[in-house]
Amino acid sequence: MGKFKKDARRSTRLSLQIPVEIASLDPTCNFREECQTAVVNAQGCGVIVHRPLDSETPIVVKLISSGASKKARVVGAIPMVKTGSWLLGVAFDSPENFWQVDRPPADWCV
């Protein structure tokens, strides 16, 4: 499981806790978990999960509030030692204001 690339960020990250469901699209990986985002941007998010997924695992992110969903992939997993959880880096297939932020940062306009 790789670490996040510091230079990979392409839009402003916002610290927002948004309830989501993460589900693996890989038939060999049985994973589905309701969780919360820690940070979001136009290209993806960081979510707190109870077990890691391998980098490049295809997933779908679903907003609990609206049911909207978007395909993505795992780009990294960082253990959170104090809680036993993982911060999972998620990159969307295409950037957008998926998070339905009312006034998104200017660099979210893609």
Protein backbone atom coordinates (compact mmCIF):
# COMPACT_ATOMS: atom_id res chain seq x y z
CA MET A 1 0.00 0.00 0.00
CA GLY A 2 1.60 3.18 -1.18
CA LYS A 3 1.71 6.55 0.43
CA PHE A 4 0.00 9.56 -1.08
CA LYS A 5 2.07 11.58 -3.55
CA LYS A 6 2.46 15.13 -2.27
CA ASP A 7 2.56 16.59 -5.79
CA ALA A 8 -0.53 14.73 -7.00
CA ARG A 9 -3.04 17.24 -5.56
CA ARG A 10 -4.70 19.18 -8.34
CA SER A 11 -7.42 21.08 -6.46
CA THR A 12 -8.05 22.58 -3.04
CA ARG A 13 -8.88 20.07 -0.33
CA LEU A 14 -11.73 20.86 2.06
CA SER A 15 -12.02 19.29 5.52
CA LEU A 16 -15.59 17.93 5.30
CA GLN A 17 -17.09 14.92 7.04
CA ILE A 18 -19.58 13.56 4.49
CA PRO A 19 -21.26 10.17 5.03
CA VAL A 20 -20.47 7.85 2.10
CA GLU A 21 -20.52 4.19 1.20
CA ILE A 22 -17.40 2.72 -0.38
CA ALA A 23 -17.78 -0.54 -2.33
CA SER A 24 -15.18 -2.50 -4.28
CA LEU A 25 -15.89 -3.11 -7.96
CA ASP A 26 -13.27 -5.89 -8.02
CA PRO A 27 -15.15 -9.24 -7.92
CA THR A 28 -12.25 -10.82 -5.99
CA CYS A 29 -12.45 -8.21 -3.21
CA ASN A 30 -15.54 -8.30 -1.00
CA PHE A 31 -15.61 -4.79 0.51
CA ARG A 32 -18.53 -2.49 1.32
CA GLU A 33 -18.45 0.01 4.17
CA GLU A 34 -20.38 3.07 5.28
CA CYS A 35 -17.87 5.65 6.43
CA GLN A 36 -17.08 9.38 6.38
CA THR A 37 -14.80 11.53 4.34
CA ALA A 38 -11.99 13.37 6.13
CA VAL A 39 -11.11 15.61 3.17
CA VAL A 40 -12.63 16.14 -0.27
CA ASN A 41 -11.63 17.84 -3.52
CA ALA A 42 -12.70 17.79 -7.17
CA GLN A 43 -10.50 14.76 -7.90
CA GLY A 44 -11.52 12.55 -4.96
CA CYS A 45 -11.31 12.27 -1.21
CA GLY A 46 -9.75 10.77 1.86
CA VAL A 47 -12.06 8.44 3.81
CA ILE A 48 -11.70 6.66 7.13
CA VAL A 49 -12.28 2.90 6.82
CA HIS A 50 -11.82 -0.10 9.12
CA ARG A 51 -9.60 -2.09 6.75
CA PRO A 52 -7.39 -1.06 3.85
CA LEU A 53 -7.80 -1.78 0.16
CA ASP A 54 -4.92 -2.28 -2.25
CA SER A 55 -3.84 0.61 -4.46
CA GLU A 56 -5.58 0.68 -7.84
CA THR A 57 -8.62 -1.25 -6.53
CA PRO A 58 -11.64 0.02 -8.51
CA ILE A 59 -14.42 1.27 -6.24
CA VAL A 60 -17.65 3.21 -6.26
CA VAL A 61 -18.28 6.10 -3.86
CA LYS A 62 -21.94 6.68 -2.97
CA LEU A 63 -23.28 9.72 -1.13
CA ILE A 64 -25.56 8.50 1.67
CA SER A 65 -27.61 11.74 1.54
CA SER A 66 -28.58 11.62 -2.13
CA GLY A 67 -27.64 8.17 -3.40
CA ALA A 68 -25.43 9.75 -6.09
CA SER A 69 -22.46 7.55 -6.98
CA LYS A 70 -19.18 7.90 -8.82
CA LYS A 71 -16.50 5.44 -9.95
CA ALA A 72 -13.03 5.84 -8.49
CA ARG A 73 -9.89 3.94 -7.54
CA VAL A 74 -7.82 3.60 -4.40
CA VAL A 75 -4.55 5.53 -4.55
CA GLY A 76 -3.19 4.73 -1.10
CA ALA A 77 -3.88 3.67 2.46
CA ILE A 78 -2.31 5.13 5.59
CA PRO A 79 -2.75 3.39 8.97
CA MET A 80 -4.16 5.51 11.79
CA VAL A 81 -2.34 3.94 14.72
CA LYS A 82 -4.42 5.40 17.56
CA THR A 83 -7.79 4.27 16.17
CA GLY A 84 -6.88 1.12 14.24
CA SER A 85 -8.56 2.65 11.18
CA TRP A 86 -7.12 3.56 7.79
CA LEU A 87 -7.15 6.78 5.78
CA LEU A 88 -7.91 5.65 2.25
CA GLY A 89 -6.98 7.92 -0.63
CA VAL A 90 -9.58 7.85 -3.41
CA ALA A 91 -9.22 9.30 -6.94
CA PHE A 92 -12.24 9.78 -9.20
CA ASP A 93 -12.21 8.65 -12.83
CA SER A 94 -13.07 12.25 -13.78
CA PRO A 95 -13.05 15.44 -11.65
CA GLU A 96 -16.26 17.25 -10.67
CA ASN A 97 -18.08 18.83 -7.72
CA PHE A 98 -19.46 15.43 -6.73
CA TRP A 99 -19.65 16.64 -3.12
CA GLN A 100 -22.31 19.22 -3.99
CA VAL A 101 -20.36 22.01 -2.26
CA ASP A 102 -22.36 25.26 -2.64
CA ARG A 103 -19.39 27.54 -3.29
CA PRO A 104 -16.53 25.28 -4.38
CA PRO A 105 -12.99 26.68 -4.62
CA ALA A 106 -12.17 28.27 -7.99
CA ASP A 107 -9.78 25.44 -8.90
CA TRP A 108 -12.66 22.92 -8.73
CA CYS A 109 -13.98 24.30 -12.04
CA VAL A 110 -12.70 21.65 -14.41
